[in-house]
Protein backbone atom coordinates (compact mmCIF):
# COMPACT_ATOMS: atom_id res chain seq x y z
CA SER A 1 21.52 -72.10 16.33
CA PHE A 2 17.87 -72.26 15.52
CA GLY A 3 15.68 -70.11 17.75
CA PRO A 4 13.28 -71.36 20.43
CA GLY A 5 10.24 -73.07 19.00
CA ALA A 6 11.38 -72.67 15.42
CA LYS A 7 11.97 -76.37 14.84
CA ASP A 8 8.36 -77.00 15.83
CA LEU A 9 7.14 -74.99 12.85
CA ARG A 10 7.39 -78.16 10.78
CA THR A 11 4.33 -79.54 12.60
CA VAL A 12 3.31 -76.80 15.02
CA PRO A 13 -0.24 -77.37 16.36
CA ASN A 14 -1.98 -74.32 14.91
CA PRO A 15 -5.73 -73.97 14.60
CA PRO A 16 -6.76 -76.36 11.80
CA GLN A 17 -6.74 -74.62 8.44
CA GLU A 18 -6.18 -75.72 4.91
CA ALA A 19 -2.87 -75.06 3.20
CA PRO A 20 -3.00 -71.69 1.43
CA SER A 21 -3.16 -71.30 -2.32
CA HIS A 22 0.10 -70.49 -4.06
CA SER A 23 -1.68 -69.17 -7.16
CA ALA A 24 -0.46 -65.56 -6.77
CA TRP A 25 3.18 -66.71 -6.59
CA ASP A 26 2.57 -69.11 -9.48
CA ARG A 27 1.28 -66.28 -11.67
CA LEU A 28 4.31 -64.09 -10.89
CA LEU A 29 6.73 -66.92 -11.63
CA ARG A 30 5.09 -67.78 -14.95
CA LYS A 31 5.23 -64.11 -15.94
CA TYR A 32 8.74 -63.15 -14.79
CA VAL A 33 10.86 -66.33 -14.87
CA SER A 34 12.04 -67.89 -18.12
CA PRO A 35 12.01 -71.67 -18.72
CA ASP A 36 15.79 -71.58 -18.16
CA GLY A 37 15.38 -69.93 -14.77
CA TRP A 38 16.40 -66.39 -15.67
CA VAL A 39 14.55 -63.82 -13.58
CA ASP A 40 13.06 -60.50 -14.69
CA TYR A 41 13.55 -58.59 -11.43
CA ARG A 42 12.28 -55.33 -12.95
CA GLY A 43 9.03 -57.12 -13.78
CA PHE A 44 8.79 -58.48 -10.25
CA ALA A 45 9.43 -54.98 -8.89
CA ALA A 46 6.46 -53.65 -10.85
CA GLU A 47 4.28 -56.11 -8.94
CA GLY A 48 6.01 -55.77 -5.60
CA GLU A 49 2.70 -55.28 -3.78
CA THR A 50 1.44 -58.63 -5.08
CA LEU A 51 4.59 -60.36 -3.87
CA GLU A 52 4.35 -58.67 -0.48
CA ALA A 53 0.68 -59.64 -0.13
CA TYR A 54 1.55 -63.27 -0.94
CA LEU A 55 4.27 -63.35 1.72
CA GLU A 56 1.90 -61.77 4.26
CA MET A 57 -0.70 -64.40 3.42
CA LEU A 58 1.87 -67.16 4.06
CA SER A 59 2.82 -65.53 7.35
CA ASP A 60 -0.84 -65.57 8.40
CA HIS A 61 -1.23 -69.26 7.48
CA PRO A 62 1.67 -71.17 9.09
CA PRO A 63 1.60 -74.95 8.66
CA SER A 64 -0.54 -76.95 11.06
CA GLU A 65 0.01 -80.53 12.12
CA ASP A 66 -2.81 -81.85 9.93
CA TRP A 67 -1.06 -80.74 6.73
CA SER A 68 0.59 -83.40 4.62
CA ARG A 69 4.37 -83.53 4.33
CA GLU A 70 4.00 -82.43 0.70
CA ALA A 71 1.93 -79.40 1.69
CA ARG A 72 4.54 -78.36 4.26
CA LEU A 73 7.42 -78.81 1.81
CA ALA A 74 5.62 -76.81 -0.90
CA TYR A 75 4.84 -74.09 1.62
CA PHE A 76 8.41 -73.66 2.86
CA ILE A 77 10.01 -73.95 -0.61
CA ASN A 78 7.68 -71.25 -1.97
CA LEU A 79 8.21 -69.12 1.14
CA TYR A 80 12.00 -69.35 0.79
CA ASN A 81 11.98 -68.53 -2.93
CA ALA A 82 9.48 -65.67 -2.69
CA ALA A 83 11.35 -64.15 0.27
CA THR A 84 14.62 -64.39 -1.68
CA VAL A 85 13.11 -62.53 -4.65
CA GLN A 86 11.79 -59.89 -2.26
CA LEU A 87 15.25 -59.57 -0.68
CA ILE A 88 16.82 -58.95 -4.09
CA LEU A 89 14.17 -56.35 -4.91
CA GLU A 90 14.88 -54.50 -1.66
CA HIS A 91 18.51 -54.01 -2.77
CA TYR A 92 18.07 -53.90 -6.55
CA PRO A 93 20.01 -53.22 -8.72
CA LEU A 94 22.95 -55.36 -7.60
CA GLU A 95 25.45 -57.80 -9.04
CA SER A 96 25.13 -60.59 -6.47
CA ILE A 97 23.08 -61.60 -3.45
CA ARG A 98 26.39 -61.61 -1.58
CA ASP A 99 26.49 -57.81 -1.94
CA ILE A 100 23.68 -57.76 0.65
CA PRO A 101 24.82 -57.78 4.30
CA ARG A 102 24.03 -61.17 5.92
CA PRO A 103 21.59 -62.29 3.20
CA TRP A 104 20.95 -65.65 4.89
CA GLY A 105 21.65 -64.70 8.49
CA LYS A 106 19.41 -61.71 9.16
CA LYS A 107 15.90 -62.41 10.46
CA ARG A 108 13.68 -60.91 7.78
CA VAL A 109 10.96 -63.48 7.00
CA LYS A 110 7.80 -63.18 9.07
CA LEU A 111 6.12 -66.45 9.94
CA GLY A 112 3.29 -66.43 12.39
CA GLY A 113 4.41 -64.20 15.25
CA GLN A 114 8.15 -64.64 14.72
CA GLN A 115 10.88 -63.49 12.35
CA TYR A 116 13.20 -66.02 10.69
CA SER A 117 16.27 -65.83 8.53
CA LEU A 118 16.49 -67.59 5.19
CA GLY A 119 19.19 -69.77 6.75
CA GLU A 120 16.85 -70.83 9.54
CA ILE A 121 14.16 -71.79 7.05
CA GLU A 122 16.65 -73.82 5.00
CA HIS A 123 18.66 -75.51 7.76
CA GLY A 124 16.20 -75.58 10.63
CA ILE A 125 13.05 -76.50 8.74
CA LEU A 126 13.49 -77.67 5.14
CA ARG A 127 16.57 -79.85 5.64
CA LYS A 128 15.02 -81.42 8.73
CA LEU A 129 12.09 -82.61 6.63
CA GLY A 130 14.56 -85.16 5.28
CA ASP A 131 14.33 -84.73 1.51
CA PRO A 132 17.66 -83.72 -0.09
CA ARG A 133 15.88 -82.74 -3.30
CA ILE A 134 14.95 -79.46 -1.61
CA HIS A 135 18.47 -78.31 -2.48
CA PHE A 136 17.40 -78.23 -6.15
CA ALA A 137 14.10 -76.47 -5.42
CA ILE A 138 15.21 -73.51 -3.31
CA ASN A 139 16.92 -70.74 -5.20
CA CYS A 140 19.63 -68.36 -3.96
CA ALA A 141 19.28 -65.89 -6.85
CA SER A 142 22.66 -66.85 -8.32
CA PHE A 143 23.83 -68.35 -11.60
CA SER A 144 25.22 -71.57 -10.12
CA CYS A 145 22.12 -72.20 -7.99
CA PRO A 146 19.42 -74.55 -9.21
CA LYS A 147 17.14 -72.56 -11.48
CA LEU A 148 14.04 -70.90 -10.11
CA LEU A 149 11.15 -72.97 -11.41
CA PRO A 150 8.72 -70.88 -13.49
CA GLU A 151 5.79 -72.22 -11.47
CA ALA A 152 4.94 -72.57 -7.80
CA TYR A 153 5.50 -75.82 -5.95
CA ARG A 154 2.18 -77.46 -5.17
CA GLU A 155 1.18 -80.23 -2.80
CA ALA A 156 -0.43 -82.42 -5.48
CA ALA A 157 2.47 -82.06 -7.94
CA LEU A 158 5.36 -81.88 -5.47
CA GLU A 159 6.88 -85.32 -6.05
CA ALA A 160 7.02 -84.84 -9.82
CA GLN A 161 8.31 -81.27 -9.44
CA LEU A 162 11.14 -82.30 -7.10
CA GLU A 163 12.14 -85.19 -9.34
CA GLN A 164 12.21 -82.92 -12.40
CA ALA A 165 14.14 -80.18 -10.60
CA THR A 166 16.77 -82.69 -9.46
CA ARG A 167 17.07 -84.31 -12.88
CA ASP A 168 17.32 -80.93 -14.65
CA PHE A 169 20.02 -79.69 -12.28
CA LEU A 170 22.16 -82.78 -12.48
CA ASN A 171 21.99 -82.94 -16.26
CA ASP A 172 22.74 -79.24 -16.77
CA PRO A 173 26.32 -79.01 -18.12
CA ALA A 174 26.62 -75.46 -16.77
CA ARG A 175 26.25 -76.83 -13.24
CA ASN A 176 27.69 -80.37 -13.37
CA GLU A 177 30.19 -81.91 -15.79
CA PHE A 178 30.58 -85.62 -16.52
CA THR A 179 33.43 -85.98 -19.00
CA GLY A 180 36.71 -87.85 -19.24
CA GLY A 181 35.70 -90.41 -16.64
CA GLN A 182 35.31 -87.73 -13.97
CA ALA A 183 32.47 -86.05 -12.13
CA ARG A 184 32.90 -82.31 -11.65
CA LEU A 185 29.97 -81.48 -9.45
CA SER A 186 28.22 -78.41 -8.14
CA ARG A 187 29.51 -77.37 -4.73
CA ILE A 188 26.00 -78.02 -3.44
CA PHE A 189 27.06 -81.68 -3.30
CA LYS A 190 30.11 -80.73 -1.23
CA TRP A 191 28.31 -78.39 1.15
CA TYR A 192 25.41 -80.79 1.79
CA ARG A 193 27.06 -84.13 1.13
CA LYS A 194 25.68 -85.67 4.32
CA ASP A 195 22.11 -84.91 3.17
CA PHE A 196 22.64 -86.90 -0.03
CA THR A 197 24.41 -89.81 1.66
CA ALA A 198 22.24 -89.97 4.80
CA ARG A 199 20.43 -93.16 3.79
CA ASP A 200 23.51 -95.36 3.56
CA THR A 201 24.17 -94.42 -0.03
CA SER A 202 27.24 -92.98 -1.74
CA LEU A 203 27.19 -89.67 -3.55
CA ILE A 204 27.74 -91.41 -6.90
CA ARG A 205 24.89 -93.81 -6.21
CA TYR A 206 22.57 -90.91 -5.39
CA ILE A 207 23.55 -89.03 -8.55
CA ASN A 208 23.15 -92.10 -10.74
CA ARG A 209 19.41 -92.18 -10.12
CA TYR A 210 19.11 -89.07 -12.27
CA LEU A 211 21.69 -89.62 -15.00
CA SER A 212 20.91 -91.24 -18.34
CA HIS A 213 24.44 -92.73 -18.32
CA PRO A 214 25.25 -93.89 -14.76
CA LEU A 215 28.78 -93.41 -13.46
CA PRO A 216 31.06 -96.19 -12.18
CA ALA A 217 31.16 -96.32 -8.38
CA ASN A 218 34.84 -95.31 -8.30
CA THR A 219 34.42 -92.20 -10.49
CA PRO A 220 36.70 -89.40 -9.20
CA ILE A 221 34.76 -86.41 -7.83
CA SER A 222 35.81 -82.77 -7.82
CA TYR A 223 33.79 -79.58 -7.48
CA LEU A 224 33.23 -76.68 -9.85
CA PRO A 225 33.65 -73.02 -8.87
CA TYR A 226 30.39 -71.42 -7.73
CA ASP A 227 29.19 -68.39 -9.65
CA TRP A 228 27.31 -66.03 -7.31
CA SER A 229 26.38 -63.50 -10.01
CA LEU A 230 22.70 -62.57 -10.08
CA ASN A 231 20.40 -64.94 -12.02
CA GLU A 232 18.95 -61.98 -13.88
CA ASN A 233 17.48 -61.95 -17.34
CA ARG A 234 19.72 -59.34 -18.98
CA ASP A 235 18.04 -59.22 -22.40
């Protein structure tokens, strides 16, 4: 269950302050993430202090109720992704995030005066903001996850960024296959099916918004194995 007061972080009445800049995180992403989403964790480790300072800055600037929905979404997506990179660095080298004890269950992300787990940020905050595209923006440091975008999410660009992330993920043959009259989907669509069908739509109808060749409504659906190996640039 989500801890006391945590749900309120989506619109908690903090002292009015502008949303923080994500420029430090943006610079790190552009430097250490490839266009295909492969991550140079050794590079990130060399600038660990910069990453830590960015996360501390986010902790000191929790969302206030006067922020736009886009500013809150960008904040929590960036917080989740930066905290995940930091988690990997704390245990690096490793083969998979699942080698870490309770990677999503342990409270390790400081936000205001409280500690939160990655799972609480995902399920108790981001999913409750009601935009299923967040599932293609947050990254779990694994091959089958949506790729880590090589730029920070930003309030002004958020809509375009979420649309592109969703389109890229759905049309990536390494993560979803549409051949032989079948849809073999990422398990993300199985795990979070109710998020994608919440607005009286079917899963196929949701997916069709992002495909260049829409699928018939009765297309059989199955799910691909999920590869939890680290999304590391191994060149």
